Amino acid sequence: MNKTQELARFLLGKSGFIDFMNPAPSLVRSDSRELRRRILELSAREVLRLGISKSTLHDLRENARSERSFKVYEKVRKKLIES
């Protein structure tokens, strides 16, 4: 999208320079194999002790079972890691 806007500005004469180099994406995952394993091994008692709701646990387990990357919010991740 940014490259399209850059091309449009160049064609309209608003910019005198166009850069067709691809930007290097920074891919940072918030899930790891260890975190996935930890989520799948959580018991109901441990979840209550950590202060994580049942619906959050359900969503985390669904995401951990899939192969796709998923986001774990910082507040929940701290609870999972620190325990």
C-alpha atoms as a PDB file:
ATOM      1  CA  MET A   1       0.000   0.000   0.000  1.00  0.00           C
ATOM      2  CA  ASN A   2       2.810   2.410   0.859  1.00  0.00           C
ATOM      3  CA  LYS A   3       4.532   1.703  -2.450  1.00  0.00           C
ATOM      4  CA  THR A   4       1.286   2.402  -4.301  1.00  0.00           C
ATOM      5  CA  GLN A   5       0.948   5.755  -2.570  1.00  0.00           C
ATOM      6  CA  GLU A   6       4.586   6.525  -3.287  1.00  0.00           C
ATOM      7  CA  LEU A   7       4.070   5.719  -6.994  1.00  0.00           C
ATOM      8  CA  ALA A   8       0.947   7.916  -7.126  1.00  0.00           C
ATOM      9  CA  ARG A   9       2.816  10.868  -5.592  1.00  0.00           C
ATOM     10  CA  PHE A  10       5.622  10.391  -8.131  1.00  0.00           C
ATOM     11  CA  LEU A  11       3.202  10.235 -11.090  1.00  0.00           C
ATOM     12  CA  LEU A  12       1.358  13.343  -9.900  1.00  0.00           C
ATOM     13  CA  GLY A  13       4.634  15.221  -9.616  1.00  0.00           C
ATOM     14  CA  LYS A  14       4.378  15.690  -5.867  1.00  0.00           C
ATOM     15  CA  SER A  15       7.542  13.681  -5.325  1.00  0.00           C
ATOM     16  CA  GLY A  16      10.697  13.693  -7.407  1.00  0.00           C
ATOM     17  CA  PHE A  17      11.992  10.347  -6.192  1.00  0.00           C
ATOM     18  CA  ILE A  18      10.562   6.823  -6.153  1.00  0.00           C
ATOM     19  CA  ASP A  19      12.088   3.877  -4.318  1.00  0.00           C
ATOM     20  CA  PHE A  20      11.061   0.422  -5.521  1.00  0.00           C
ATOM     21  CA  MET A  21      13.098  -1.493  -2.973  1.00  0.00           C
ATOM     22  CA  ASN A  22      11.058  -3.806  -0.819  1.00  0.00           C
ATOM     23  CA  PRO A  23      10.908  -2.884   2.849  1.00  0.00           C
ATOM     24  CA  ALA A  24      12.317  -5.504   5.182  1.00  0.00           C
ATOM     25  CA  PRO A  25       9.501  -6.697   7.429  1.00  0.00           C
ATOM     26  CA  SER A  26      10.236  -7.314  11.069  1.00  0.00           C
ATOM     27  CA  LEU A  27       8.534 -10.532  12.061  1.00  0.00           C
ATOM     28  CA  VAL A  28       8.271 -10.911  15.811  1.00  0.00           C
ATOM     29  CA  ARG A  29       6.113 -13.685  17.181  1.00  0.00           C
ATOM     30  CA  SER A  30       4.411 -13.489  20.538  1.00  0.00           C
ATOM     31  CA  ASP A  31       3.905 -17.241  20.659  1.00  0.00           C
ATOM     32  CA  SER A  32       6.568 -19.894  21.015  1.00  0.00           C
ATOM     33  CA  ARG A  33       6.546 -23.668  21.255  1.00  0.00           C
ATOM     34  CA  GLU A  34       7.184 -23.416  24.980  1.00  0.00           C
ATOM     35  CA  LEU A  35       4.281 -21.017  25.483  1.00  0.00           C
ATOM     36  CA  ARG A  36       1.990 -23.224  23.382  1.00  0.00           C
ATOM     37  CA  ARG A  37       2.971 -26.255  25.479  1.00  0.00           C
ATOM     38  CA  ARG A  38       2.377 -24.286  28.692  1.00  0.00           C
ATOM     39  CA  ILE A  39      -1.094 -23.207  27.548  1.00  0.00           C
ATOM     40  CA  LEU A  40      -2.117 -26.747  26.629  1.00  0.00           C
ATOM     41  CA  GLU A  41      -0.879 -28.152  29.973  1.00  0.00           C
ATOM     42  CA  LEU A  42      -2.749 -25.671  32.193  1.00  0.00           C
ATOM     43  CA  SER A  43      -5.225 -27.179  34.639  1.00  0.00           C
ATOM     44  CA  ALA A  44      -8.476 -25.524  35.724  1.00  0.00           C
ATOM     45  CA  ARG A  45      -7.148 -24.913  39.246  1.00  0.00           C
ATOM     46  CA  GLU A  46      -3.982 -23.301  37.959  1.00  0.00           C
ATOM     47  CA  VAL A  47      -5.991 -21.033  35.673  1.00  0.00           C
ATOM     48  CA  LEU A  48      -8.116 -19.854  38.610  1.00  0.00           C
ATOM     49  CA  ARG A  49      -4.989 -19.260  40.698  1.00  0.00           C
ATOM     50  CA  LEU A  50      -3.427 -17.203  37.886  1.00  0.00           C
ATOM     51  CA  GLY A  51      -6.554 -15.105  37.464  1.00  0.00           C
ATOM     52  CA  ILE A  52      -7.213 -16.049  33.839  1.00  0.00           C
ATOM     53  CA  SER A  53     -10.852 -16.382  32.807  1.00  0.00           C
ATOM     54  CA  LYS A  54     -12.266 -19.577  31.330  1.00  0.00           C
ATOM     55  CA  SER A  55     -13.111 -17.873  28.051  1.00  0.00           C
ATOM     56  CA  THR A  56      -9.552 -16.548  27.713  1.00  0.00           C
ATOM     57  CA  LEU A  57      -8.188 -20.025  28.415  1.00  0.00           C
ATOM     58  CA  HIS A  58     -10.532 -21.512  25.820  1.00  0.00           C
ATOM     59  CA  ASP A  59      -9.383 -19.042  23.174  1.00  0.00           C
ATOM     60  CA  LEU A  60      -5.723 -19.583  24.062  1.00  0.00           C
ATOM     61  CA  ARG A  61      -6.096 -23.363  23.793  1.00  0.00           C
ATOM     62  CA  GLU A  62      -7.855 -23.096  20.426  1.00  0.00           C
ATOM     63  CA  ASN A  63      -5.061 -20.897  19.116  1.00  0.00           C
ATOM     64  CA  ALA A  64      -2.311 -23.066  20.629  1.00  0.00           C
ATOM     65  CA  ARG A  65      -3.678 -26.167  18.883  1.00  0.00           C
ATOM     66  CA  SER A  66      -3.529 -24.543  15.462  1.00  0.00           C
ATOM     67  CA  GLU A  67      -0.360 -24.103  13.435  1.00  0.00           C
ATOM     68  CA  ARG A  68      -0.976 -20.409  12.832  1.00  0.00           C
ATOM     69  CA  SER A  69       0.717 -17.654  14.755  1.00  0.00           C
ATOM     70  CA  PHE A  70      -1.381 -15.925  17.373  1.00  0.00           C
ATOM     71  CA  LYS A  71      -1.058 -13.016  19.739  1.00  0.00           C
ATOM     72  CA  VAL A  72      -0.952 -13.435  23.493  1.00  0.00           C
ATOM     73  CA  TYR A  73      -1.617 -10.199  25.311  1.00  0.00           C
ATOM     74  CA  GLU A  74       1.206  -9.011  27.539  1.00  0.00           C
ATOM     75  CA  LYS A  75      -0.862  -9.146  30.720  1.00  0.00           C
ATOM     76  CA  VAL A  76      -1.801 -12.806  30.124  1.00  0.00           C
ATOM     77  CA  ARG A  77       1.688 -13.744  28.927  1.00  0.00           C
ATOM     78  CA  LYS A  78       3.221 -12.396  32.145  1.00  0.00           C
ATOM     79  CA  LYS A  79       0.802 -14.512  34.186  1.00  0.00           C
ATOM     80  CA  LEU A  80       1.708 -17.609  32.193  1.00  0.00           C
ATOM     81  CA  ILE A  81       5.459 -17.101  32.303  1.00  0.00           C
ATOM     82  CA  GLU A  82       5.866 -15.912  35.880  1.00  0.00           C
ATOM     83  CA  SER A  83       3.996 -18.832  37.423  1.00  0.00           C
END
